[in-house]
Amino acid sequence: MFCAVVAYPLQKDGIFDFDYFAKKHVPMFAHFLGENCVRFEVQKSLASPGAPAPSFICAAYFWVKSGEDFGATLAQYGNEIYADISTFTNIEPVRQWNEVLE
């Protein structure tokens, strides 16, 4: 199992539409992933007294069975996925690919 992470760094002049991201963009990508997507999740960062300040404003996680199929989805739908980013933010996302160990 693998987990693709897309995180948006906290930026002073950054804009971010949480509603669009959580209800439109992330589900669209999960739809493109199809049966390869085991689950997906959106997390909104919070500031908490006594805790370190968050580094990211928001992040999405996509748990998938196949890295090969994930890459094929990006090859097929990447232009549409990346073009949609400007609809909800002006922040360049940070992407990470993880192997799920447990």
N, C-alpha and C. Protein backbone atom coordinates (compact mmCIF):
# COMPACT_ATOMS: atom_id res chain seq x y z
N MET A 1 0.86 -1.17 0.00
CA MET A 1 0.00 0.00 0.00
C MET A 1 0.90 1.23 0.00
N PHE A 2 0.38 2.29 -0.63
CA PHE A 2 1.12 3.55 -0.74
C PHE A 2 0.20 4.70 -0.34
N CYS A 3 0.82 5.83 0.00
CA CYS A 3 0.04 7.02 0.33
C CYS A 3 0.66 8.21 -0.38
N ALA A 4 -0.13 8.86 -1.21
CA ALA A 4 0.28 10.10 -1.87
C ALA A 4 -0.20 11.25 -1.01
N VAL A 5 0.72 12.16 -0.71
CA VAL A 5 0.40 13.31 0.12
C VAL A 5 0.57 14.57 -0.72
N VAL A 6 -0.41 15.46 -0.64
CA VAL A 6 -0.33 16.77 -1.29
C VAL A 6 -0.59 17.79 -0.20
N ALA A 7 0.42 18.61 0.12
CA ALA A 7 0.30 19.57 1.21
C ALA A 7 0.57 20.98 0.70
N TYR A 8 -0.15 21.92 1.25
CA TYR A 8 -0.05 23.31 0.84
C TYR A 8 0.59 24.12 1.97
N PRO A 9 1.82 24.61 1.75
CA PRO A 9 2.53 25.34 2.81
C PRO A 9 1.80 26.62 3.20
N LEU A 10 1.88 26.95 4.46
CA LEU A 10 1.33 28.19 4.97
C LEU A 10 2.12 29.34 4.37
N GLN A 11 1.45 30.27 3.73
CA GLN A 11 2.10 31.42 3.11
C GLN A 11 1.36 32.69 3.49
N LYS A 12 2.12 33.75 3.74
CA LYS A 12 1.55 35.02 4.18
C LYS A 12 0.44 35.52 3.25
N ASP A 13 0.67 35.55 1.96
CA ASP A 13 -0.32 36.05 1.00
C ASP A 13 -1.06 34.93 0.28
N GLY A 14 -1.02 33.74 0.85
CA GLY A 14 -1.68 32.60 0.22
C GLY A 14 -3.18 32.64 0.41
N ILE A 15 -3.89 32.20 -0.62
CA ILE A 15 -5.34 32.04 -0.52
C ILE A 15 -5.65 30.55 -0.66
N PHE A 16 -6.71 30.12 0.01
CA PHE A 16 -7.06 28.70 -0.04
C PHE A 16 -8.54 28.55 0.21
N ASP A 17 -9.25 27.92 -0.71
CA ASP A 17 -10.68 27.66 -0.59
C ASP A 17 -10.85 26.22 -0.09
N PHE A 18 -11.00 26.07 1.22
CA PHE A 18 -11.10 24.75 1.84
C PHE A 18 -12.31 23.98 1.33
N ASP A 19 -13.43 24.66 1.19
CA ASP A 19 -14.66 24.01 0.75
C ASP A 19 -14.48 23.39 -0.64
N TYR A 20 -13.94 24.16 -1.57
CA TYR A 20 -13.74 23.64 -2.93
C TYR A 20 -12.75 22.48 -2.92
N PHE A 21 -11.66 22.64 -2.18
CA PHE A 21 -10.64 21.60 -2.12
C PHE A 21 -11.22 20.28 -1.59
N ALA A 22 -11.95 20.38 -0.47
CA ALA A 22 -12.47 19.17 0.19
C ALA A 22 -13.65 18.55 -0.53
N LYS A 23 -14.49 19.38 -1.17
CA LYS A 23 -15.72 18.86 -1.75
C LYS A 23 -15.67 18.66 -3.26
N LYS A 24 -14.70 19.27 -3.93
CA LYS A 24 -14.63 19.15 -5.40
C LYS A 24 -13.30 18.56 -5.88
N HIS A 25 -12.20 19.24 -5.53
CA HIS A 25 -10.91 18.84 -6.10
C HIS A 25 -10.45 17.45 -5.65
N VAL A 26 -10.42 17.24 -4.35
CA VAL A 26 -9.94 15.94 -3.83
C VAL A 26 -10.86 14.80 -4.27
N PRO A 27 -12.18 14.93 -4.17
CA PRO A 27 -13.04 13.84 -4.67
C PRO A 27 -12.88 13.60 -6.18
N MET A 28 -12.61 14.67 -6.96
CA MET A 28 -12.38 14.49 -8.39
C MET A 28 -11.15 13.60 -8.62
N PHE A 29 -10.07 13.89 -7.90
CA PHE A 29 -8.86 13.09 -8.05
C PHE A 29 -9.11 11.65 -7.59
N ALA A 30 -9.80 11.47 -6.48
CA ALA A 30 -10.12 10.12 -6.00
C ALA A 30 -10.96 9.37 -7.03
N HIS A 31 -11.87 10.07 -7.68
CA HIS A 31 -12.69 9.46 -8.74
C HIS A 31 -11.80 8.98 -9.89
N PHE A 32 -10.84 9.81 -10.29
CA PHE A 32 -9.92 9.41 -11.36
C PHE A 32 -9.09 8.19 -10.95
N LEU A 33 -8.74 8.10 -9.67
CA LEU A 33 -7.95 6.96 -9.18
C LEU A 33 -8.77 5.67 -9.20
N GLY A 34 -10.08 5.79 -9.11
CA GLY A 34 -10.95 4.62 -9.20
C GLY A 34 -10.73 3.62 -8.09
N GLU A 35 -10.77 2.35 -8.45
CA GLU A 35 -10.64 1.26 -7.46
C GLU A 35 -9.26 1.18 -6.85
N ASN A 36 -8.28 1.84 -7.45
CA ASN A 36 -6.94 1.88 -6.87
C ASN A 36 -6.93 2.66 -5.56
N CYS A 37 -7.85 3.59 -5.40
CA CYS A 37 -7.91 4.43 -4.20
C CYS A 37 -8.67 3.70 -3.10
N VAL A 38 -7.95 3.32 -2.06
CA VAL A 38 -8.55 2.61 -0.93
C VAL A 38 -9.33 3.59 -0.05
N ARG A 39 -8.74 4.78 0.15
CA ARG A 39 -9.39 5.84 0.92
C ARG A 39 -8.67 7.14 0.67
N PHE A 40 -9.33 8.23 0.98
CA PHE A 40 -8.69 9.54 0.91
C PHE A 40 -9.17 10.38 2.07
N GLU A 41 -8.38 11.40 2.39
CA GLU A 41 -8.67 12.21 3.56
C GLU A 41 -8.14 13.63 3.32
N VAL A 42 -8.86 14.62 3.82
CA VAL A 42 -8.43 16.01 3.77
C VAL A 42 -8.28 16.49 5.21
N GLN A 43 -7.17 17.16 5.50
CA GLN A 43 -6.94 17.69 6.84
C GLN A 43 -6.64 19.18 6.76
N LYS A 44 -7.31 19.96 7.59
CA LYS A 44 -7.10 21.40 7.70
C LYS A 44 -6.25 21.65 8.94
N SER A 45 -5.16 22.38 8.77
CA SER A 45 -4.26 22.64 9.89
C SER A 45 -4.89 23.62 10.88
N LEU A 46 -4.56 23.42 12.15
CA LEU A 46 -5.02 24.30 13.21
C LEU A 46 -3.86 24.76 14.06
N ALA A 47 -3.96 25.97 14.55
CA ALA A 47 -2.99 26.45 15.53
C ALA A 47 -3.50 26.04 16.90
N SER A 48 -2.60 25.62 17.75
CA SER A 48 -2.98 25.18 19.09
C SER A 48 -2.02 25.78 20.10
N PRO A 49 -2.53 26.40 21.17
CA PRO A 49 -1.64 26.97 22.18
C PRO A 49 -0.68 25.92 22.73
N GLY A 50 0.58 26.28 22.80
CA GLY A 50 1.59 25.38 23.34
C GLY A 50 2.15 24.39 22.34
N ALA A 51 1.58 24.33 21.15
CA ALA A 51 2.07 23.42 20.11
C ALA A 51 2.83 24.23 19.06
N PRO A 52 3.68 23.58 18.31
CA PRO A 52 4.38 24.30 17.23
C PRO A 52 3.37 24.82 16.21
N ALA A 53 3.71 25.95 15.59
CA ALA A 53 2.85 26.51 14.54
C ALA A 53 2.81 25.54 13.37
N PRO A 54 1.67 25.42 12.70
CA PRO A 54 1.59 24.51 11.55
C PRO A 54 2.46 25.01 10.40
N SER A 55 2.99 24.08 9.64
CA SER A 55 3.79 24.40 8.46
C SER A 55 2.95 24.43 7.19
N PHE A 56 1.81 23.75 7.24
CA PHE A 56 0.95 23.64 6.07
C PHE A 56 -0.46 24.10 6.43
N ILE A 57 -1.14 24.70 5.46
CA ILE A 57 -2.51 25.17 5.68
C ILE A 57 -3.51 24.02 5.55
N CYS A 58 -3.18 23.08 4.65
CA CYS A 58 -4.10 21.98 4.37
C CYS A 58 -3.32 20.87 3.67
N ALA A 59 -3.80 19.64 3.83
CA ALA A 59 -3.17 18.50 3.16
C ALA A 59 -4.22 17.47 2.79
N ALA A 60 -3.95 16.73 1.73
CA ALA A 60 -4.81 15.62 1.32
C ALA A 60 -3.95 14.37 1.24
N TYR A 61 -4.55 13.25 1.59
CA TYR A 61 -3.87 11.95 1.58
C TYR A 61 -4.70 10.98 0.75
N PHE A 62 -4.02 10.24 -0.10
CA PHE A 62 -4.68 9.25 -0.95
C PHE A 62 -3.97 7.92 -0.75
N TRP A 63 -4.65 6.95 -0.14
CA TRP A 63 -4.09 5.62 0.04
C TRP A 63 -4.46 4.79 -1.19
N VAL A 64 -3.44 4.24 -1.84
CA VAL A 64 -3.66 3.48 -3.08
C VAL A 64 -2.95 2.13 -3.01
N LYS A 65 -3.46 1.19 -3.80
CA LYS A 65 -2.89 -0.16 -3.85
C LYS A 65 -1.68 -0.25 -4.77
N SER A 66 -1.72 0.49 -5.87
CA SER A 66 -0.69 0.34 -6.90
C SER A 66 -0.05 1.68 -7.27
N GLY A 67 1.26 1.72 -7.15
CA GLY A 67 2.00 2.90 -7.59
C GLY A 67 1.96 3.05 -9.10
N GLU A 68 2.01 1.94 -9.79
CA GLU A 68 1.95 1.95 -11.25
C GLU A 68 0.63 2.54 -11.74
N ASP A 69 -0.47 2.11 -11.13
CA ASP A 69 -1.78 2.63 -11.51
C ASP A 69 -1.93 4.10 -11.14
N PHE A 70 -1.32 4.50 -10.03
CA PHE A 70 -1.34 5.90 -9.62
C PHE A 70 -0.64 6.75 -10.69
N GLY A 71 0.52 6.30 -11.13
CA GLY A 71 1.26 7.01 -12.18
C GLY A 71 0.48 7.08 -13.48
N ALA A 72 -0.22 6.00 -13.82
CA ALA A 72 -1.03 5.99 -15.04
C ALA A 72 -2.17 7.00 -14.94
N THR A 73 -2.75 7.14 -13.75
CA THR A 73 -3.82 8.13 -13.55
C THR A 73 -3.27 9.54 -13.75
N LEU A 74 -2.10 9.81 -13.19
CA LEU A 74 -1.50 11.14 -13.37
C LEU A 74 -1.18 11.40 -14.84
N ALA A 75 -0.71 10.40 -15.54
CA ALA A 75 -0.40 10.56 -16.96
C ALA A 75 -1.66 10.86 -17.76
N GLN A 76 -2.76 10.22 -17.40
CA GLN A 76 -4.00 10.39 -18.14
C GLN A 76 -4.75 11.68 -17.77
N TYR A 77 -4.78 12.00 -16.47
CA TYR A 77 -5.62 13.11 -16.00
C TYR A 77 -4.82 14.27 -15.40
N GLY A 78 -3.51 14.20 -15.44
CA GLY A 78 -2.66 15.21 -14.81
C GLY A 78 -2.97 16.64 -15.24
N ASN A 79 -3.14 16.86 -16.53
CA ASN A 79 -3.42 18.23 -16.99
C ASN A 79 -4.68 18.78 -16.36
N GLU A 80 -5.71 17.98 -16.29
CA GLU A 80 -6.98 18.41 -15.69
C GLU A 80 -6.83 18.65 -14.18
N ILE A 81 -6.12 17.76 -13.51
CA ILE A 81 -5.92 17.88 -12.06
C ILE A 81 -5.12 19.14 -11.74
N TYR A 82 -3.98 19.33 -12.42
CA TYR A 82 -3.12 20.48 -12.13
C TYR A 82 -3.76 21.79 -12.54
N ALA A 83 -4.53 21.81 -13.61
CA ALA A 83 -5.20 23.04 -14.05
C ALA A 83 -6.24 23.49 -13.02
N ASP A 84 -6.80 22.56 -12.28
CA ASP A 84 -7.84 22.88 -11.30
C ASP A 84 -7.27 23.53 -10.04
N ILE A 85 -5.98 23.41 -9.79
CA ILE A 85 -5.38 23.95 -8.57
C ILE A 85 -5.62 25.45 -8.45
N SER A 86 -5.50 26.19 -9.54
CA SER A 86 -5.68 27.64 -9.48
C SER A 86 -7.12 28.03 -9.13
N THR A 87 -8.05 27.10 -9.17
CA THR A 87 -9.43 27.36 -8.80
C THR A 87 -9.58 27.59 -7.29
N PHE A 88 -8.71 26.96 -6.49
CA PHE A 88 -8.87 27.05 -5.04
C PHE A 88 -7.68 27.62 -4.29
N THR A 89 -6.52 27.82 -4.98
CA THR A 89 -5.36 28.35 -4.25
C THR A 89 -4.34 28.99 -5.20
N ASN A 90 -3.51 29.83 -4.62
CA ASN A 90 -2.36 30.37 -5.34
C ASN A 90 -1.06 29.81 -4.75
N ILE A 91 -1.17 28.79 -3.95
CA ILE A 91 -0.03 28.17 -3.27
C ILE A 91 0.44 26.95 -4.05
N GLU A 92 1.74 26.86 -4.28
CA GLU A 92 2.32 25.69 -4.95
C GLU A 92 2.37 24.53 -3.96
N PRO A 93 1.73 23.40 -4.25
CA PRO A 93 1.72 22.29 -3.30
C PRO A 93 3.07 21.56 -3.24
N VAL A 94 3.26 20.93 -2.10
CA VAL A 94 4.39 20.03 -1.89
C VAL A 94 3.81 18.63 -2.00
N ARG A 95 4.47 17.77 -2.78
CA ARG A 95 3.97 16.40 -2.98
C ARG A 95 4.95 15.40 -2.39
N GLN A 96 4.39 14.32 -1.86
CA GLN A 96 5.24 13.27 -1.30
C GLN A 96 4.59 11.93 -1.55
N TRP A 97 5.40 10.94 -1.80
CA TRP A 97 4.96 9.57 -2.06
C TRP A 97 5.52 8.70 -0.95
N ASN A 98 4.65 7.96 -0.26
CA ASN A 98 5.06 7.13 0.89
C ASN A 98 4.65 5.68 0.69
N GLU A 99 5.48 4.80 1.20
CA GLU A 99 5.08 3.40 1.33
C GLU A 99 4.48 3.24 2.72
N VAL A 100 3.30 2.65 2.81
CA VAL A 100 2.65 2.42 4.10
C VAL A 100 3.20 1.13 4.67
N LEU A 101 3.85 1.22 5.82
CA LEU A 101 4.48 0.05 6.42
C LEU A 101 3.51 -0.72 7.31
N GLU A 102 2.60 -0.07 7.97
CA GLU A 102 1.63 -0.75 8.84
C GLU A 102 0.29 -0.11 8.69
